Amino acid sequence: MSKKQQNWLAIKAVDTSTLRWVIIIIGVLVLGSIFLFGHPEKKRKARASRRQEKRRAQRREPTLNSPENAADGEFGTAERGGGTEIGQGELEIDGVQPDSAAEPATPRKPAAPPPEKIVSLFLVARDNHIINGAELLQAAVKTGMEFGEMSIFHRIVEGADKPVFSLADAAKPGKFRRDEWNTFATSGVVLFMTLPGPAYALDAWDSMLATARRIGEILNAQLMDDEHKPFTRQREARIREEMRAYDRSKS
């Protein structure tokens, strides 16, 4: 073999080796490009999915404030089915929160202090009978009671910010439903007064006792004390003395 042929073979070997490395490098670049830039639709979908998950994580779920209405107090000890009132919480509409700054919330009234004393009387239907709503409504109106706050009856003094005494169902939750007088029935009701009140304690007690006795006559119901025992003259005298003592302590 001549020297010229040997040189040509050497150049060819170098070119073949160089070409092999060029092909390898190009292959690596192509694979890298596919890995980095391939399947753009999948990447867009993945990014969109991550954005949706982020929005869902940041979104506050609508809530319902469910607490029982504070005005719907419970009276008595017997159970009777009754509904609770719920207010609708702040809801998102199309993912946009309402502008709470535009309409400031109405300030709540400060909570009234707890009563110092509660005096109560029960009226229980005689002979396991029931008191129906129509009769109860008529008796309450005849004795000067007014249907009002907390869905119960009250004896109101003009200009006072609270009733002298009130009348509620003895069964929980204690309130009445204005549109169900013809279907309502109960085994008893409770009259109660809280002190301090808008009148002298002894005057309020005398008025409540007289009203309870009159309603008891109309409904043929038995008058009971706060311990569900028959109301006696001794118990009456004891409560009157307590009311006198309370008025003296406030004078």
Protein backbone atom coordinates (compact mmCIF):
# COMPACT_ATOMS: atom_id res chain seq x y z
CA MET A 1 0.00 0.00 0.00
CA SER A 2 1.33 3.38 -1.00
CA LYS A 3 1.75 6.26 1.45
CA LYS A 4 -1.06 8.16 -0.28
CA GLN A 5 -3.51 5.31 0.31
CA GLN A 6 -2.44 5.05 3.96
CA ASN A 7 -3.15 8.77 4.50
CA TRP A 8 -6.61 8.45 2.86
CA LEU A 9 -7.52 5.50 5.11
CA ALA A 10 -6.39 7.45 8.19
CA ILE A 11 -8.51 10.48 7.18
CA LYS A 12 -11.50 8.22 6.53
CA ALA A 13 -11.10 6.60 9.98
CA VAL A 14 -10.95 10.03 11.64
CA ASP A 15 -14.01 11.21 9.70
CA THR A 16 -15.95 8.08 10.65
CA SER A 17 -15.09 8.50 14.34
CA THR A 18 -15.95 12.21 14.26
CA LEU A 19 -19.23 11.54 12.47
CA ARG A 20 -20.16 8.94 15.08
CA TRP A 21 -19.67 11.45 17.91
CA VAL A 22 -21.59 14.13 16.01
CA ILE A 23 -24.52 11.73 15.59
CA ILE A 24 -24.42 10.85 19.30
CA ILE A 25 -24.39 14.51 20.34
CA ILE A 26 -27.25 15.35 17.96
CA GLY A 27 -29.25 12.41 19.35
CA VAL A 28 -28.72 13.62 22.91
CA LEU A 29 -29.81 17.14 21.94
CA VAL A 30 -32.93 15.82 20.21
CA LEU A 31 -33.90 13.71 23.24
CA GLY A 32 -33.29 16.68 25.51
CA SER A 33 -35.45 18.88 23.33
CA ILE A 34 -38.26 16.32 23.40
CA PHE A 35 -38.02 16.05 27.19
CA LEU A 36 -37.97 19.79 27.72
CA PHE A 37 -40.36 20.97 25.06
CA GLY A 38 -42.34 17.90 24.07
CA HIS A 39 -46.10 17.50 24.71
CA PRO A 40 -46.93 21.19 25.27
CA GLU A 41 -50.64 20.35 25.65
CA LYS A 42 -49.95 18.07 28.60
CA LYS A 43 -47.77 20.72 30.22
CA ARG A 44 -50.47 23.38 29.76
CA LYS A 45 -53.07 21.02 31.22
CA ALA A 46 -50.78 20.24 34.16
CA ARG A 47 -50.20 23.96 34.80
CA ALA A 48 -53.93 24.65 34.51
CA SER A 49 -54.68 21.82 36.92
CA ARG A 50 -52.19 23.22 39.43
CA ARG A 51 -53.78 26.68 39.14
CA GLN A 52 -57.26 25.21 39.72
CA GLU A 53 -56.05 23.30 42.79
CA LYS A 54 -54.46 26.48 44.12
CA ARG A 55 -57.72 28.43 43.61
CA ARG A 56 -59.71 25.68 45.33
CA ALA A 57 -57.29 25.72 48.25
CA GLN A 58 -57.63 29.51 48.58
CA ARG A 59 -61.39 29.55 48.11
CA ARG A 60 -63.40 29.78 51.33
CA GLU A 61 -66.35 27.41 51.42
CA PRO A 62 -69.80 28.95 51.99
CA THR A 63 -70.96 28.57 55.58
CA LEU A 64 -74.24 28.69 57.38
CA ASN A 65 -74.35 30.24 60.79
CA SER A 66 -76.26 27.82 62.73
CA PRO A 67 -76.38 28.50 66.04
CA GLU A 68 -79.55 28.65 67.68
CA ASN A 69 -81.18 32.01 67.67
CA ALA A 70 -80.20 33.61 70.96
CA ALA A 71 -83.65 35.13 71.24
CA ASP A 72 -85.32 31.72 71.14
CA GLY A 73 -84.67 30.87 74.78
CA GLU A 74 -85.71 27.51 76.20
CA PHE A 75 -88.18 27.21 79.04
CA GLY A 76 -89.42 24.31 81.12
CA THR A 77 -88.17 20.75 81.17
CA ALA A 78 -90.48 18.78 78.86
CA GLU A 79 -89.33 18.01 75.31
CA ARG A 80 -91.32 19.09 72.28
CA GLY A 81 -90.12 19.33 68.71
CA GLY A 82 -89.24 22.79 67.54
CA GLY A 83 -87.29 24.36 64.71
CA THR A 84 -84.17 26.47 64.91
CA GLU A 85 -83.64 29.60 62.92
CA ILE A 86 -80.44 29.94 60.85
CA GLY A 87 -79.04 32.77 59.04
CA GLN A 88 -77.33 32.49 55.70
CA GLY A 89 -73.64 33.13 55.92
CA GLU A 90 -71.58 35.13 53.47
CA LEU A 91 -71.43 33.26 50.17
CA GLU A 92 -69.06 33.57 47.22
CA ILE A 93 -70.60 34.29 43.83
CA ASP A 94 -68.50 33.19 40.84
CA GLY A 95 -65.45 33.08 43.07
CA VAL A 96 -65.75 36.78 43.98
CA GLN A 97 -66.11 37.80 47.59
CA PRO A 98 -68.68 40.53 48.26
CA ASP A 99 -67.18 43.88 49.17
CA SER A 100 -67.67 43.91 52.93
CA ALA A 101 -66.13 47.36 53.15
CA ALA A 102 -68.90 48.83 51.01
CA GLU A 103 -71.62 47.90 53.52
CA PRO A 104 -70.34 47.90 57.11
CA ALA A 105 -72.05 45.42 59.41
CA THR A 106 -74.69 46.80 61.73
CA PRO A 107 -73.19 47.02 65.21
CA ARG A 108 -74.69 44.55 67.64
CA LYS A 109 -76.42 45.68 70.78
CA PRO A 110 -74.40 44.99 73.91
CA ALA A 111 -75.53 41.86 75.70
CA ALA A 112 -77.86 42.53 78.61
CA PRO A 113 -76.53 41.53 82.03
CA PRO A 114 -77.94 38.27 83.40
CA PRO A 115 -80.97 38.63 85.68
CA GLU A 116 -80.37 38.71 89.41
CA LYS A 117 -83.46 36.63 90.09
CA ILE A 118 -86.10 34.70 88.14
CA VAL A 119 -89.53 33.98 89.60
CA SER A 120 -91.80 31.53 87.81
CA LEU A 121 -95.22 29.88 88.03
CA PHE A 122 -96.53 26.92 86.03
CA LEU A 123 -100.02 26.20 84.75
CA VAL A 124 -100.59 22.49 84.09
CA ALA A 125 -103.64 21.04 82.36
CA ARG A 126 -105.79 19.07 84.77
CA ASP A 127 -106.62 15.37 84.47
CA ASN A 128 -104.00 14.76 81.76
CA HIS A 129 -105.89 17.02 79.37
CA ILE A 130 -104.19 19.35 76.93
CA ILE A 131 -104.23 23.11 76.36
CA ASN A 132 -104.93 23.93 72.73
CA GLY A 133 -103.58 26.95 70.94
CA ALA A 134 -106.86 28.73 70.27
CA GLU A 135 -107.84 28.62 73.96
CA LEU A 136 -104.39 29.75 75.06
CA LEU A 137 -104.40 32.67 72.64
CA GLN A 138 -107.83 33.78 73.85
CA ALA A 139 -106.80 33.53 77.52
CA ALA A 140 -103.59 35.50 76.94
CA VAL A 141 -105.39 38.31 75.11
CA LYS A 142 -108.13 38.48 77.77
CA THR A 143 -105.54 38.98 80.50
CA GLY A 144 -103.66 41.76 78.71
CA MET A 145 -100.74 39.73 77.34
CA GLU A 146 -99.17 40.66 74.00
CA PHE A 147 -97.46 38.30 71.56
CA GLY A 148 -93.98 39.57 70.77
CA GLU A 149 -90.24 38.99 71.08
CA MET A 150 -88.95 35.41 71.30
CA SER A 151 -92.37 34.32 69.94
CA ILE A 152 -93.94 34.32 73.41
CA PHE A 153 -96.42 36.52 75.31
CA HIS A 154 -95.47 39.53 77.46
CA ARG A 155 -97.07 42.01 79.85
CA ILE A 156 -95.76 45.31 78.55
CA VAL A 157 -95.42 48.64 80.34
CA GLU A 158 -95.37 51.60 77.99
CA GLY A 159 -91.91 53.10 77.67
CA ALA A 160 -90.13 50.16 79.32
CA ASP A 161 -87.33 48.33 77.53
CA LYS A 162 -88.32 44.92 78.94
CA PRO A 163 -91.59 43.21 79.92
CA VAL A 164 -92.92 43.00 83.45
CA PHE A 165 -93.41 39.26 83.01
CA SER A 166 -93.82 36.76 80.17
CA LEU A 167 -95.67 33.56 79.27
CA ALA A 168 -94.07 30.70 77.32
CA ASP A 169 -94.74 27.08 76.50
CA ALA A 170 -93.53 24.80 79.32
CA ALA A 171 -92.16 22.41 76.69
CA LYS A 172 -88.93 23.16 74.86
CA PRO A 173 -88.11 25.31 72.96
CA GLY A 174 -90.73 27.41 74.77
CA LYS A 175 -91.90 29.55 71.89
CA PHE A 176 -95.18 29.56 70.00
CA ARG A 177 -95.79 29.75 66.26
CA ARG A 178 -98.04 32.57 65.21
CA ASP A 179 -99.65 30.67 62.33
CA GLU A 180 -100.23 27.38 64.18
CA TRP A 181 -102.73 28.30 66.89
CA ASN A 182 -105.35 25.94 65.48
CA THR A 183 -103.00 22.94 65.57
CA PHE A 184 -100.90 23.77 68.64
CA ALA A 185 -101.37 21.81 71.88
CA THR A 186 -99.40 21.61 75.12
CA SER A 187 -99.71 20.14 78.61
CA GLY A 188 -98.68 23.36 80.34
CA VAL A 189 -97.30 26.89 80.19
CA VAL A 190 -94.97 28.91 82.40
CA LEU A 191 -95.19 32.54 83.53
CA PHE A 192 -91.91 34.10 84.61
CA MET A 193 -90.46 37.45 85.60
CA THR A 194 -86.84 38.54 85.79
CA LEU A 195 -85.39 41.00 88.30
CA PRO A 196 -84.56 43.78 88.12
CA GLY A 197 -87.50 44.71 85.93
CA PRO A 198 -89.43 47.81 84.85
CA ALA A 199 -91.66 47.70 87.97
CA TYR A 200 -91.19 47.09 91.66
CA ALA A 201 -90.64 43.39 92.32
CA LEU A 202 -93.66 43.08 94.63
CA ASP A 203 -95.96 44.85 92.16
CA ALA A 204 -94.73 42.68 89.29
CA TRP A 205 -95.25 39.54 91.38
CA ASP A 206 -98.79 40.47 92.37
CA SER A 207 -99.66 41.20 88.73
CA MET A 208 -98.14 37.94 87.49
CA LEU A 209 -99.87 35.87 90.16
CA ALA A 210 -103.26 37.44 89.41
CA THR A 211 -102.76 36.83 85.67
CA ALA A 212 -101.72 33.22 86.25
CA ARG A 213 -104.81 32.54 88.35
CA ARG A 214 -107.10 34.10 85.75
CA ILE A 215 -105.53 32.12 82.88
CA GLY A 216 -105.76 28.97 85.00
CA GLU A 217 -109.51 29.53 85.40
CA ILE A 218 -109.99 30.04 81.66
CA LEU A 219 -107.93 26.98 80.70
CA ASN A 220 -108.96 24.80 83.64
CA ALA A 221 -105.27 24.45 84.54
CA GLN A 222 -103.68 23.92 87.94
CA LEU A 223 -101.32 26.52 89.38
CA MET A 224 -97.90 25.11 90.36
CA ASP A 225 -94.79 26.70 91.88
CA ASP A 226 -91.30 26.72 90.39
CA GLU A 227 -90.69 23.22 91.77
CA HIS A 228 -93.80 21.89 89.98
CA LYS A 229 -95.62 21.49 93.28
CA PRO A 230 -99.17 22.76 93.95
CA PHE A 231 -99.02 26.46 94.75
CA THR A 232 -99.98 27.03 98.40
CA ARG A 233 -100.71 30.08 100.52
CA GLN A 234 -97.51 29.44 102.45
CA ARG A 235 -95.52 29.51 99.23
CA GLU A 236 -97.29 32.69 98.17
CA ALA A 237 -96.51 34.42 101.47
CA ARG A 238 -92.85 33.37 101.26
CA ILE A 239 -92.44 34.77 97.74
CA ARG A 240 -94.15 38.05 98.69
CA GLU A 241 -91.68 38.48 101.52
CA GLU A 242 -88.79 37.77 99.15
CA MET A 243 -90.09 40.44 96.77
CA ARG A 244 -90.37 42.99 99.60
CA ALA A 245 -86.80 42.23 100.66
CA TYR A 246 -85.59 42.63 97.09
CA ASP A 247 -87.29 46.03 96.75
CA ARG A 248 -85.77 47.19 100.04
CA SER A 249 -82.31 46.15 98.85
CA LYS A 250 -82.73 48.34 95.75
CA SER A 251 -84.12 51.40 97.51
